């Protein structure tokens, strides 16, 4: 079983890379989010690997991740979310890459609205993911920090977000702006949060 490849990035696309290790070029599937973080071609690259065989045997596919956190999240989704194979798990992971910490918080708190607005899941998919992972995702070690701290369950923040949405802003944009303001000053009333947030929108 391969744990990781450490070699030279030979070429890359949005969804895959060729990494050369000891003279052998390996085709590795990656998310778009991962592809955007990769170094230039010809530079050194380390990818943590998951090997996957098709349902009926045949070719072995490699899936690559820049961190162990990403790999563990991928495996959790693939193994625990119903009707989710490796390719679908990669699609989900690409959305989740915006913030692993916030995704975990949203799943644990069953914040379907955040899973839809921030991470881009449909309501049906968000509900499926939450039901499958809510009791298991807390076991995953996540080293990044939340970007949208305190939104879930905070009445002032929720009202401020709703106010910005009513003004025509997307909920995902409103959440980011409100979180920025409240992280700097969590004592502001709703009206002041909205006014300050408008400067970031």
N, C-alpha and C. Protein backbone atom coordinates (compact mmCIF):
# COMPACT_ATOMS: atom_id res chain seq x y z
N UNK A 1 0.84 -1.20 0.00
CA UNK A 1 0.00 0.00 0.00
C UNK A 1 0.88 1.25 0.00
N UNK A 2 0.59 2.16 -0.91
CA UNK A 2 1.36 3.40 -1.03
C UNK A 2 0.82 4.44 -0.06
N UNK A 3 1.72 5.05 0.71
CA UNK A 3 1.30 6.10 1.65
C UNK A 3 1.41 7.48 1.00
N UNK A 4 2.50 7.72 0.28
CA UNK A 4 2.66 9.00 -0.40
C UNK A 4 3.65 8.87 -1.54
N UNK A 5 3.56 9.83 -2.48
CA UNK A 5 4.55 9.99 -3.54
C UNK A 5 5.32 11.27 -3.24
N UNK A 6 6.64 11.20 -3.34
CA UNK A 6 7.48 12.38 -3.18
C UNK A 6 8.38 12.43 -4.40
N UNK A 7 8.07 13.34 -5.32
CA UNK A 7 8.83 13.38 -6.56
C UNK A 7 8.76 14.75 -7.22
N UNK A 8 8.78 14.74 -8.54
CA UNK A 8 8.77 15.98 -9.32
C UNK A 8 7.44 16.11 -10.07
N UNK A 9 6.85 17.29 -10.01
CA UNK A 9 5.62 17.53 -10.75
C UNK A 9 5.94 17.66 -12.22
N UNK A 10 5.50 16.69 -13.00
CA UNK A 10 5.81 16.67 -14.42
C UNK A 10 4.80 17.50 -15.21
N UNK A 11 3.51 17.34 -14.90
CA UNK A 11 2.47 18.12 -15.57
C UNK A 11 1.22 18.11 -14.69
N UNK A 12 0.30 19.03 -14.99
CA UNK A 12 -0.92 19.08 -14.19
C UNK A 12 -2.07 19.64 -15.01
N UNK A 13 -3.29 19.21 -14.64
CA UNK A 13 -4.51 19.78 -15.16
C UNK A 13 -5.36 20.15 -13.94
N UNK A 14 -6.61 20.54 -14.15
CA UNK A 14 -7.46 20.87 -13.02
C UNK A 14 -7.75 19.66 -12.15
N UNK A 15 -7.78 18.48 -12.73
CA UNK A 15 -8.22 17.29 -12.00
C UNK A 15 -7.18 16.20 -11.85
N UNK A 16 -5.99 16.39 -12.39
CA UNK A 16 -4.97 15.33 -12.27
C UNK A 16 -3.58 15.89 -12.44
N UNK A 17 -2.62 15.11 -11.97
CA UNK A 17 -1.21 15.48 -12.14
C UNK A 17 -0.43 14.24 -12.55
N UNK A 18 0.71 14.48 -13.17
CA UNK A 18 1.70 13.43 -13.39
C UNK A 18 2.87 13.76 -12.47
N UNK A 19 3.14 12.87 -11.53
CA UNK A 19 4.26 13.08 -10.62
C UNK A 19 5.30 11.99 -10.90
N UNK A 20 6.53 12.42 -11.15
CA UNK A 20 7.61 11.49 -11.49
C UNK A 20 8.37 11.10 -10.23
N UNK A 21 8.40 9.81 -9.96
CA UNK A 21 9.11 9.27 -8.79
C UNK A 21 10.07 8.20 -9.27
N UNK A 22 11.36 8.44 -9.10
CA UNK A 22 12.41 7.48 -9.50
C UNK A 22 12.26 7.05 -10.95
N UNK A 23 11.97 8.01 -11.81
CA UNK A 23 11.90 7.73 -13.24
C UNK A 23 10.57 7.21 -13.73
N UNK A 24 9.62 7.03 -12.84
CA UNK A 24 8.29 6.53 -13.21
C UNK A 24 7.27 7.64 -13.02
N UNK A 25 6.44 7.86 -14.05
CA UNK A 25 5.41 8.90 -13.97
C UNK A 25 4.08 8.31 -13.53
N UNK A 26 3.55 8.79 -12.42
CA UNK A 26 2.27 8.31 -11.89
C UNK A 26 1.17 9.35 -12.15
N UNK A 27 0.06 8.88 -12.69
CA UNK A 27 -1.11 9.74 -12.91
C UNK A 27 -1.94 9.74 -11.63
N UNK A 28 -2.13 10.90 -11.04
CA UNK A 28 -2.83 11.01 -9.76
C UNK A 28 -3.99 11.99 -9.89
N UNK A 29 -5.17 11.56 -9.46
CA UNK A 29 -6.34 12.43 -9.45
C UNK A 29 -6.27 13.38 -8.26
N UNK A 30 -6.60 14.66 -8.51
CA UNK A 30 -6.62 15.66 -7.44
C UNK A 30 -7.87 16.51 -7.59
N UNK A 31 -8.22 17.24 -6.54
CA UNK A 31 -9.34 18.18 -6.63
C UNK A 31 -8.87 19.47 -7.31
N UNK A 32 -9.81 20.26 -7.77
CA UNK A 32 -9.47 21.55 -8.36
C UNK A 32 -8.77 22.43 -7.33
N UNK A 33 -9.27 22.38 -6.08
CA UNK A 33 -8.67 23.18 -5.00
C UNK A 33 -7.21 22.80 -4.78
N UNK A 34 -6.91 21.50 -4.85
CA UNK A 34 -5.53 21.04 -4.70
C UNK A 34 -4.68 21.48 -5.88
N UNK A 35 -5.22 21.34 -7.09
CA UNK A 35 -4.49 21.72 -8.30
C UNK A 35 -4.05 23.18 -8.25
N UNK A 36 -4.91 24.04 -7.71
CA UNK A 36 -4.60 25.47 -7.64
C UNK A 36 -3.49 25.78 -6.65
N UNK A 37 -3.20 24.86 -5.74
CA UNK A 37 -2.17 25.08 -4.72
C UNK A 37 -0.83 24.45 -5.10
N UNK A 38 -0.78 23.74 -6.21
CA UNK A 38 0.43 23.01 -6.58
C UNK A 38 1.55 23.93 -7.04
N UNK A 39 2.79 23.50 -6.88
CA UNK A 39 3.92 24.30 -7.37
C UNK A 39 3.99 24.26 -8.89
N UNK A 40 4.94 24.96 -9.46
CA UNK A 40 5.12 24.95 -10.91
C UNK A 40 5.67 23.60 -11.36
N UNK A 41 5.43 23.27 -12.62
CA UNK A 41 5.97 22.04 -13.19
C UNK A 41 7.49 22.03 -13.07
N UNK A 42 8.02 20.88 -12.71
CA UNK A 42 9.46 20.74 -12.54
C UNK A 42 9.91 20.87 -11.10
N UNK A 43 8.99 21.29 -10.23
CA UNK A 43 9.35 21.44 -8.83
C UNK A 43 8.94 20.20 -8.03
N UNK A 44 9.50 20.10 -6.82
CA UNK A 44 9.24 18.94 -5.98
C UNK A 44 7.81 18.98 -5.43
N UNK A 45 7.22 17.80 -5.32
CA UNK A 45 5.84 17.69 -4.85
C UNK A 45 5.67 16.42 -4.02
N UNK A 46 4.97 16.56 -2.91
CA UNK A 46 4.63 15.41 -2.08
C UNK A 46 3.11 15.30 -1.99
N UNK A 47 2.57 14.15 -2.35
CA UNK A 47 1.13 13.90 -2.27
C UNK A 47 0.86 12.66 -1.45
N UNK A 48 -0.06 12.77 -0.50
CA UNK A 48 -0.52 11.61 0.24
C UNK A 48 -1.54 10.88 -0.63
N UNK A 49 -1.44 9.57 -0.66
CA UNK A 49 -2.14 8.78 -1.68
C UNK A 49 -3.19 7.84 -1.11
N UNK A 50 -4.29 7.71 -1.86
CA UNK A 50 -5.27 6.64 -1.64
C UNK A 50 -5.38 5.88 -2.95
N UNK A 51 -5.24 4.56 -2.88
CA UNK A 51 -5.40 3.71 -4.06
C UNK A 51 -6.83 3.18 -4.08
N UNK A 52 -7.44 3.21 -5.25
CA UNK A 52 -8.81 2.74 -5.37
C UNK A 52 -8.96 1.89 -6.62
N UNK A 53 -9.59 0.72 -6.46
CA UNK A 53 -9.84 -0.18 -7.58
C UNK A 53 -11.30 -0.06 -7.99
N UNK A 54 -11.57 -0.12 -9.28
CA UNK A 54 -12.94 -0.02 -9.77
C UNK A 54 -13.84 -1.08 -9.16
N UNK A 55 -15.16 -0.85 -9.23
CA UNK A 55 -16.13 -1.75 -8.61
C UNK A 55 -15.97 -3.19 -9.07
N UNK A 56 -15.57 -3.36 -10.33
CA UNK A 56 -15.46 -4.71 -10.87
C UNK A 56 -14.01 -5.09 -11.14
N UNK A 57 -13.11 -4.51 -10.34
CA UNK A 57 -11.70 -4.81 -10.52
C UNK A 57 -11.11 -3.93 -11.62
N UNK A 58 -9.99 -4.35 -12.17
CA UNK A 58 -9.39 -3.60 -13.26
C UNK A 58 -8.36 -2.60 -12.77
N UNK A 59 -8.32 -1.44 -13.43
CA UNK A 59 -7.29 -0.44 -13.15
C UNK A 59 -7.34 0.09 -11.72
N UNK A 60 -6.15 0.35 -11.19
CA UNK A 60 -6.04 0.99 -9.88
C UNK A 60 -5.87 2.49 -10.10
N UNK A 61 -6.71 3.28 -9.49
CA UNK A 61 -6.61 4.74 -9.59
C UNK A 61 -5.96 5.29 -8.33
N UNK A 62 -5.18 6.35 -8.52
CA UNK A 62 -4.54 7.02 -7.40
C UNK A 62 -5.19 8.38 -7.17
N UNK A 63 -5.46 8.68 -5.91
CA UNK A 63 -6.03 9.97 -5.53
C UNK A 63 -5.04 10.65 -4.58
N UNK A 64 -4.70 11.90 -4.90
CA UNK A 64 -3.64 12.57 -4.15
C UNK A 64 -4.12 13.76 -3.34
N UNK A 65 -3.46 13.98 -2.19
CA UNK A 65 -3.86 15.03 -1.26
C UNK A 65 -2.62 15.71 -0.69
N UNK A 66 -2.71 17.01 -0.47
CA UNK A 66 -1.56 17.76 0.03
C UNK A 66 -1.33 17.57 1.52
N UNK A 67 -2.35 17.10 2.24
CA UNK A 67 -2.20 16.89 3.68
C UNK A 67 -2.92 15.62 4.12
N UNK A 68 -2.56 15.13 5.29
CA UNK A 68 -3.23 13.96 5.84
C UNK A 68 -4.68 14.30 6.22
N UNK A 69 -4.91 15.57 6.61
CA UNK A 69 -6.28 16.01 6.93
C UNK A 69 -7.20 15.78 5.73
N UNK A 70 -6.74 16.23 4.56
CA UNK A 70 -7.54 16.08 3.35
C UNK A 70 -7.80 14.60 3.06
N UNK A 71 -6.76 13.79 3.20
CA UNK A 71 -6.92 12.37 2.90
C UNK A 71 -7.90 11.71 3.85
N UNK A 72 -7.83 12.04 5.13
CA UNK A 72 -8.76 11.45 6.11
C UNK A 72 -10.20 11.88 5.84
N UNK A 73 -10.39 13.13 5.44
CA UNK A 73 -11.73 13.61 5.12
C UNK A 73 -12.27 12.89 3.89
N UNK A 74 -11.44 12.71 2.90
CA UNK A 74 -11.82 11.99 1.69
C UNK A 74 -12.28 10.57 2.02
N UNK A 75 -11.49 9.87 2.82
CA UNK A 75 -11.81 8.49 3.18
C UNK A 75 -13.10 8.41 3.99
N UNK A 76 -13.29 9.38 4.89
CA UNK A 76 -14.52 9.41 5.68
C UNK A 76 -15.74 9.55 4.78
N UNK A 77 -15.66 10.49 3.84
CA UNK A 77 -16.78 10.72 2.93
C UNK A 77 -17.03 9.50 2.05
N UNK A 78 -15.98 8.97 1.47
CA UNK A 78 -16.12 7.82 0.56
C UNK A 78 -16.68 6.59 1.27
N UNK A 79 -16.25 6.38 2.50
CA UNK A 79 -16.63 5.17 3.21
C UNK A 79 -17.96 5.28 3.94
N UNK A 80 -18.35 6.49 4.32
CA UNK A 80 -19.52 6.64 5.20
C UNK A 80 -20.75 7.26 4.54
N UNK A 81 -20.56 8.10 3.54
CA UNK A 81 -21.73 8.74 2.89
C UNK A 81 -22.30 7.78 1.86
N UNK A 82 -23.57 7.43 1.96
CA UNK A 82 -24.18 6.46 1.04
C UNK A 82 -24.04 6.86 -0.43
N UNK A 83 -23.83 5.85 -1.27
CA UNK A 83 -23.75 6.05 -2.73
C UNK A 83 -22.68 7.06 -3.13
N UNK A 84 -21.56 7.01 -2.43
CA UNK A 84 -20.46 7.95 -2.73
C UNK A 84 -19.18 7.17 -3.02
N UNK A 85 -18.82 7.12 -4.30
CA UNK A 85 -17.56 6.50 -4.69
C UNK A 85 -16.43 7.49 -4.63
N UNK A 86 -15.27 7.09 -5.10
CA UNK A 86 -14.08 7.93 -5.02
C UNK A 86 -14.24 9.24 -5.79
N UNK A 87 -14.80 9.18 -7.00
CA UNK A 87 -14.93 10.40 -7.81
C UNK A 87 -15.90 11.38 -7.17
N UNK A 88 -17.02 10.88 -6.67
CA UNK A 88 -17.99 11.75 -6.02
C UNK A 88 -17.40 12.33 -4.73
N UNK A 89 -16.64 11.52 -4.01
CA UNK A 89 -16.00 12.00 -2.78
C UNK A 89 -15.02 13.13 -3.09
N UNK A 90 -14.36 13.05 -4.25
CA UNK A 90 -13.44 14.12 -4.64
C UNK A 90 -14.21 15.41 -4.95
N UNK A 91 -15.38 15.28 -5.57
CA UNK A 91 -16.22 16.45 -5.84
C UNK A 91 -16.64 17.12 -4.53
N UNK A 92 -17.05 16.29 -3.56
CA UNK A 92 -17.44 16.82 -2.26
C UNK A 92 -16.25 17.48 -1.58
N UNK A 93 -15.10 16.82 -1.64
CA UNK A 93 -13.91 17.34 -0.97
C UNK A 93 -13.50 18.70 -1.54
N UNK A 94 -13.68 18.88 -2.84
CA UNK A 94 -13.35 20.14 -3.47
C UNK A 94 -14.16 21.28 -2.85
N UNK A 95 -15.43 21.03 -2.56
CA UNK A 95 -16.28 22.03 -1.91
C UNK A 95 -15.85 22.26 -0.47
N UNK A 96 -15.55 21.16 0.22
CA UNK A 96 -15.20 21.21 1.63
C UNK A 96 -13.86 21.92 1.86
N UNK A 97 -13.00 21.93 0.83
CA UNK A 97 -11.66 22.51 0.96
C UNK A 97 -11.68 23.99 1.31
N UNK A 98 -12.84 24.65 1.18
CA UNK A 98 -12.93 26.06 1.59
C UNK A 98 -12.57 26.21 3.06
N UNK A 99 -12.95 25.22 3.87
CA UNK A 99 -12.60 25.23 5.30
C UNK A 99 -13.02 23.92 5.94
N UNK A 100 -12.06 23.05 6.20
CA UNK A 100 -12.38 21.78 6.83
C UNK A 100 -12.98 21.99 8.22
N UNK A 101 -12.44 22.97 8.95
CA UNK A 101 -12.93 23.21 10.32
C UNK A 101 -14.38 23.67 10.31
N UNK A 102 -14.73 24.56 9.40
CA UNK A 102 -16.10 25.05 9.33
C UNK A 102 -17.05 23.96 8.84
N UNK A 103 -16.56 23.13 7.93
CA UNK A 103 -17.40 22.02 7.45
C UNK A 103 -17.72 21.08 8.61
N UNK A 104 -16.71 20.73 9.39
CA UNK A 104 -16.95 19.84 10.52
C UNK A 104 -17.94 20.47 11.50
N UNK A 105 -17.78 21.76 11.78
CA UNK A 105 -18.67 22.44 12.70
C UNK A 105 -20.11 22.44 12.16
N UNK A 106 -20.25 22.67 10.87
CA UNK A 106 -21.58 22.70 10.26
C UNK A 106 -22.24 21.33 10.32
N UNK A 107 -21.46 20.28 10.10
CA UNK A 107 -22.01 18.92 10.16
C UNK A 107 -22.44 18.58 11.59
N UNK A 108 -21.56 18.85 12.55
CA UNK A 108 -21.85 18.52 13.95
C UNK A 108 -23.07 19.29 14.45
N UNK A 109 -23.20 20.55 14.05
CA UNK A 109 -24.32 21.38 14.50
C UNK A 109 -25.54 21.26 13.59
N UNK A 110 -25.40 20.43 12.56
CA UNK A 110 -26.49 20.20 11.59
C UNK A 110 -26.96 21.50 10.95
N UNK A 111 -26.00 22.32 10.58
CA UNK A 111 -26.29 23.60 9.95
C UNK A 111 -26.42 23.40 8.44
N UNK A 112 -27.60 22.97 8.01
CA UNK A 112 -27.85 22.68 6.60
C UNK A 112 -27.70 23.96 5.76
N UNK A 113 -28.14 25.07 6.32
CA UNK A 113 -28.05 26.35 5.61
C UNK A 113 -26.61 26.68 5.25
N UNK A 114 -25.69 26.49 6.19
CA UNK A 114 -24.29 26.80 5.92
C UNK A 114 -23.69 25.83 4.90
N UNK A 115 -24.05 24.55 5.00
CA UNK A 115 -23.54 23.57 4.05
C UNK A 115 -23.98 23.91 2.63
N UNK A 116 -25.17 24.50 2.51
CA UNK A 116 -25.68 24.87 1.19
C UNK A 116 -25.09 26.19 0.70
N UNK A 117 -25.12 27.21 1.56
CA UNK A 117 -24.73 28.55 1.13
C UNK A 117 -23.22 28.74 1.01
N UNK A 118 -22.47 28.22 1.97
CA UNK A 118 -21.02 28.40 1.97
C UNK A 118 -20.31 27.34 1.13
N UNK A 119 -20.73 26.10 1.29
CA UNK A 119 -20.02 25.00 0.62
C UNK A 119 -20.65 24.56 -0.70
N UNK A 120 -21.85 25.04 -0.98
CA UNK A 120 -22.44 24.79 -2.29
C UNK A 120 -23.12 23.45 -2.48
N UNK A 121 -23.47 22.77 -1.39
CA UNK A 121 -24.20 21.51 -1.51
C UNK A 121 -25.69 21.79 -1.71
N UNK A 122 -26.38 20.88 -2.39
CA UNK A 122 -27.83 20.98 -2.44
C UNK A 122 -28.37 20.58 -1.07
N UNK A 123 -29.59 20.97 -0.78
CA UNK A 123 -30.18 20.63 0.52
C UNK A 123 -30.22 19.12 0.73
N UNK A 124 -30.58 18.38 -0.31
CA UNK A 124 -30.67 16.92 -0.21
C UNK A 124 -29.31 16.31 0.13
N UNK A 125 -28.27 16.79 -0.56
CA UNK A 125 -26.92 16.27 -0.31
C UNK A 125 -26.43 16.67 1.08
N UNK A 126 -26.70 17.91 1.48
CA UNK A 126 -26.29 18.38 2.81
C UNK A 126 -26.93 17.53 3.90
N UNK A 127 -28.19 17.22 3.74
CA UNK A 127 -28.88 16.38 4.73
C UNK A 127 -28.30 14.97 4.75
N UNK A 128 -27.96 14.44 3.58
CA UNK A 128 -27.37 13.10 3.51
C UNK A 128 -26.00 13.07 4.19
N UNK A 129 -25.20 14.08 3.92
CA UNK A 129 -23.86 14.15 4.52
C UNK A 129 -23.95 14.30 6.03
N UNK A 130 -24.84 15.17 6.49
CA UNK A 130 -25.00 15.39 7.93
C UNK A 130 -25.44 14.13 8.64
N UNK A 131 -26.42 13.43 8.07
CA UNK A 131 -26.90 12.19 8.69
C UNK A 131 -25.81 11.13 8.77
N UNK A 132 -24.96 11.08 7.74
CA UNK A 132 -23.92 10.05 7.69
C UNK A 132 -22.71 10.36 8.57
N UNK A 133 -22.38 11.65 8.72
CA UNK A 133 -21.11 12.01 9.35
C UNK A 133 -21.20 12.63 10.74
N UNK A 134 -22.40 13.05 11.17
CA UNK A 134 -22.51 13.84 12.40
C UNK A 134 -21.92 13.15 13.63
N UNK A 135 -21.96 11.82 13.67
CA UNK A 135 -21.43 11.10 14.83
C UNK A 135 -20.01 10.58 14.60
N UNK A 136 -19.45 10.82 13.41
CA UNK A 136 -18.15 10.25 13.08
C UNK A 136 -17.09 11.29 12.76
N UNK A 137 -17.52 12.47 12.35
CA UNK A 137 -16.55 13.47 11.88
C UNK A 137 -15.72 14.05 13.02
N UNK A 138 -16.22 13.99 14.25
CA UNK A 138 -15.45 14.53 15.38
C UNK A 138 -14.16 13.75 15.62
N UNK A 139 -14.07 12.55 15.07
CA UNK A 139 -12.87 11.75 15.24
C UNK A 139 -11.77 12.11 14.26
N UNK A 140 -12.08 12.97 13.31
CA UNK A 140 -11.09 13.39 12.32
C UNK A 140 -10.26 14.55 12.87
N UNK A 141 -8.95 14.43 12.78
CA UNK A 141 -8.05 15.50 13.22
C UNK A 141 -7.98 16.56 12.13
N UNK A 142 -8.33 17.79 12.47
CA UNK A 142 -8.31 18.91 11.52
C UNK A 142 -7.43 20.01 12.09
N UNK A 143 -6.44 20.42 11.31
CA UNK A 143 -5.46 21.38 11.83
C UNK A 143 -5.74 22.82 11.41
N UNK A 144 -6.63 23.05 10.44
CA UNK A 144 -6.92 24.43 10.08
C UNK A 144 -7.92 25.02 11.06
N UNK A 145 -8.14 26.33 10.99
CA UNK A 145 -9.03 27.02 11.93
C UNK A 145 -10.28 27.50 11.20
N UNK A 146 -11.36 27.71 11.96
CA UNK A 146 -12.61 28.16 11.38
C UNK A 146 -12.47 29.58 10.81
N UNK A 147 -13.10 29.81 9.66
CA UNK A 147 -13.14 31.13 9.05
C UNK A 147 -14.42 31.86 9.43
N UNK A 148 -15.44 31.09 9.78
CA UNK A 148 -16.74 31.68 10.08
C UNK A 148 -17.13 31.34 11.52
N UNK A 149 -16.28 31.71 12.46
CA UNK A 149 -16.47 31.38 13.87
C UNK A 149 -17.72 32.06 14.41
N UNK A 150 -18.51 31.29 15.16
CA UNK A 150 -19.60 31.86 15.92
C UNK A 150 -20.89 32.12 15.19
N UNK A 151 -20.96 31.80 13.89
CA UNK A 151 -22.19 32.08 13.14
C UNK A 151 -23.33 31.20 13.62
N UNK A 152 -23.06 29.90 13.75
CA UNK A 152 -24.12 28.99 14.15
C UNK A 152 -24.60 29.31 15.56
N UNK A 153 -25.88 29.57 15.71
CA UNK A 153 -26.46 29.80 17.02
C UNK A 153 -26.34 31.23 17.53
N UNK A 154 -25.66 32.13 16.81
CA UNK A 154 -25.52 33.52 17.23
C UNK A 154 -26.64 34.33 16.58
N UNK A 155 -27.58 34.81 17.40
CA UNK A 155 -28.76 35.51 16.88
C UNK A 155 -28.39 36.77 16.13
N UNK A 156 -27.51 37.61 16.70
CA UNK A 156 -27.12 38.85 16.05
C UNK A 156 -26.48 38.60 14.69
N UNK A 157 -25.61 37.60 14.63
CA UNK A 157 -24.95 37.28 13.37
C UNK A 157 -25.95 36.78 12.35
N UNK A 158 -26.84 35.91 12.80
CA UNK A 158 -27.85 35.36 11.89
C UNK A 158 -28.74 36.46 11.34
N UNK A 159 -29.14 37.40 12.20
CA UNK A 159 -29.99 38.51 11.76
C UNK A 159 -29.24 39.44 10.81
N UNK A 160 -27.98 39.66 11.08
CA UNK A 160 -27.17 40.51 10.21
C UNK A 160 -27.01 39.88 8.84
N UNK A 161 -26.77 38.57 8.81
CA UNK A 161 -26.65 37.85 7.54
C UNK A 161 -27.96 37.95 6.77
N UNK A 162 -29.08 37.74 7.47
CA UNK A 162 -30.40 37.82 6.83
C UNK A 162 -30.64 39.22 6.26
N UNK A 163 -30.19 40.25 7.00
CA UNK A 163 -30.35 41.62 6.54
C UNK A 163 -29.56 41.89 5.28
N UNK A 164 -28.34 41.37 5.20
CA UNK A 164 -27.51 41.56 4.02
C UNK A 164 -28.08 40.81 2.82
N UNK A 165 -28.60 39.62 3.07
CA UNK A 165 -29.23 38.85 2.00
C UNK A 165 -30.44 39.61 1.45
N UNK A 166 -31.19 40.24 2.35
CA UNK A 166 -32.36 41.03 1.94
C UNK A 166 -31.94 42.22 1.08
N UNK A 167 -30.70 42.68 1.26
CA UNK A 167 -30.18 43.80 0.47
C UNK A 167 -29.66 43.34 -0.90
N UNK A 168 -29.67 42.02 -1.10
CA UNK A 168 -29.27 41.50 -2.41
C UNK A 168 -27.95 40.76 -2.48
N UNK A 169 -27.28 40.61 -1.33
CA UNK A 169 -26.00 39.90 -1.32
C UNK A 169 -26.22 38.39 -1.17
N UNK A 170 -25.29 37.62 -1.71
CA UNK A 170 -25.35 36.17 -1.55
C UNK A 170 -25.09 35.82 -0.09
N UNK A 171 -25.73 34.75 0.38
CA UNK A 171 -25.56 34.38 1.79
C UNK A 171 -24.11 34.03 2.10
N UNK A 172 -23.43 33.36 1.16
CA UNK A 172 -22.03 33.00 1.41
C UNK A 172 -21.16 34.24 1.58
N UNK A 173 -21.41 35.29 0.76
CA UNK A 173 -20.67 36.54 0.89
C UNK A 173 -20.98 37.22 2.22
N UNK A 174 -22.27 37.21 2.58
CA UNK A 174 -22.70 37.84 3.82
C UNK A 174 -22.06 37.17 5.03
N UNK A 175 -21.99 35.85 5.02
CA UNK A 175 -21.41 35.11 6.14
C UNK A 175 -19.95 35.49 6.34
N UNK A 176 -19.19 35.58 5.25
CA UNK A 176 -17.77 35.92 5.34
C UNK A 176 -17.59 37.32 5.93
N UNK A 177 -18.37 38.28 5.41
CA UNK A 177 -18.25 39.66 5.88
C UNK A 177 -18.65 39.80 7.34
N UNK A 178 -19.76 39.18 7.71
CA UNK A 178 -20.24 39.26 9.10
C UNK A 178 -19.25 38.61 10.05
N UNK A 179 -18.72 37.46 9.66
CA UNK A 179 -17.74 36.77 10.52
C UNK A 179 -16.52 37.64 10.76
N UNK A 180 -16.07 38.35 9.72
CA UNK A 180 -14.91 39.24 9.85
C UNK A 180 -15.19 40.33 10.88
N UNK A 181 -16.37 40.94 10.80
CA UNK A 181 -16.72 42.03 11.71
C UNK A 181 -16.85 41.53 13.14
N UNK A 182 -17.56 40.44 13.33
CA UNK A 182 -17.83 39.93 14.68
C UNK A 182 -16.57 39.36 15.32
N UNK A 183 -15.69 38.79 14.52
CA UNK A 183 -14.42 38.31 15.07
C UNK A 183 -13.59 39.46 15.63
N UNK A 184 -13.73 40.65 15.03
CA UNK A 184 -13.01 41.83 15.50
C UNK A 184 -13.70 42.49 16.70
N UNK A 185 -15.05 42.39 16.73
CA UNK A 185 -15.82 43.00 17.81
C UNK A 185 -17.15 42.28 17.94
N UNK A 186 -17.25 41.42 18.96
CA UNK A 186 -18.45 40.58 19.10
C UNK A 186 -19.55 41.24 19.94
N UNK A 187 -19.40 42.54 20.25
CA UNK A 187 -20.40 43.22 21.07
C UNK A 187 -21.31 44.16 20.25
N UNK A 188 -21.11 44.20 18.95
CA UNK A 188 -21.87 45.12 18.12
C UNK A 188 -23.33 44.69 17.97
N UNK A 189 -24.26 45.65 17.93
CA UNK A 189 -25.66 45.31 17.64
C UNK A 189 -25.82 44.98 16.16
N UNK A 190 -26.97 44.43 15.81
CA UNK A 190 -27.20 43.97 14.44
C UNK A 190 -26.99 45.08 13.42
N UNK A 191 -27.53 46.26 13.69
CA UNK A 191 -27.44 47.37 12.73
C UNK A 191 -25.99 47.75 12.44
N UNK A 192 -25.16 47.75 13.49
CA UNK A 192 -23.75 48.12 13.32
C UNK A 192 -22.99 47.02 12.58
N UNK A 193 -23.35 45.77 12.84
CA UNK A 193 -22.71 44.66 12.12
C UNK A 193 -22.98 44.79 10.63
N UNK A 194 -24.23 45.10 10.28
CA UNK A 194 -24.59 45.24 8.87
C UNK A 194 -23.83 46.40 8.24
N UNK A 195 -23.81 47.55 8.90
CA UNK A 195 -23.10 48.72 8.35
C UNK A 195 -21.63 48.43 8.13
N UNK A 196 -21.00 47.80 9.13
CA UNK A 196 -19.56 47.50 9.00
C UNK A 196 -19.31 46.45 7.94
N UNK A 197 -20.21 45.47 7.83
CA UNK A 197 -20.04 44.40 6.85
C UNK A 197 -20.11 44.93 5.42
N UNK A 198 -20.91 45.96 5.20
CA UNK A 198 -21.07 46.51 3.86
C UNK A 198 -19.75 47.03 3.30
N UNK A 199 -18.81 47.39 4.17
CA UNK A 199 -17.51 47.87 3.71
C UNK A 199 -16.68 46.75 3.08
N UNK A 200 -17.02 45.49 3.40
CA UNK A 200 -16.27 44.36 2.89
C UNK A 200 -16.96 43.70 1.69
N UNK A 201 -18.12 44.21 1.32
CA UNK A 201 -18.90 43.60 0.25
C UNK A 201 -18.87 44.45 -1.03
